[in-house]
């Protein structure tokens, strides 16, 4: 596992602390991991949406479908 240090502003720090206080995460690192996972999922779904649009518009998907869905 890799450790990183990221400076954040007070607003984000307060949000992280509120997530812990609300028992939505156990640690600051847990909140950041959840946020990164959410971002990753959003990007994957956007890639799928774009592939669907390509099929609708061109009748085909230009790319590697196996690669697109491997992380889902």
Foldseek 3Di string as FASTA:
>chain_A
DDDDDDDDDPVVVVVLVVCCVVVVAVDSVRVVVVVVVVVVVVVLVVVVVVQVVCCVVPVHGPDDPCVSPVVD
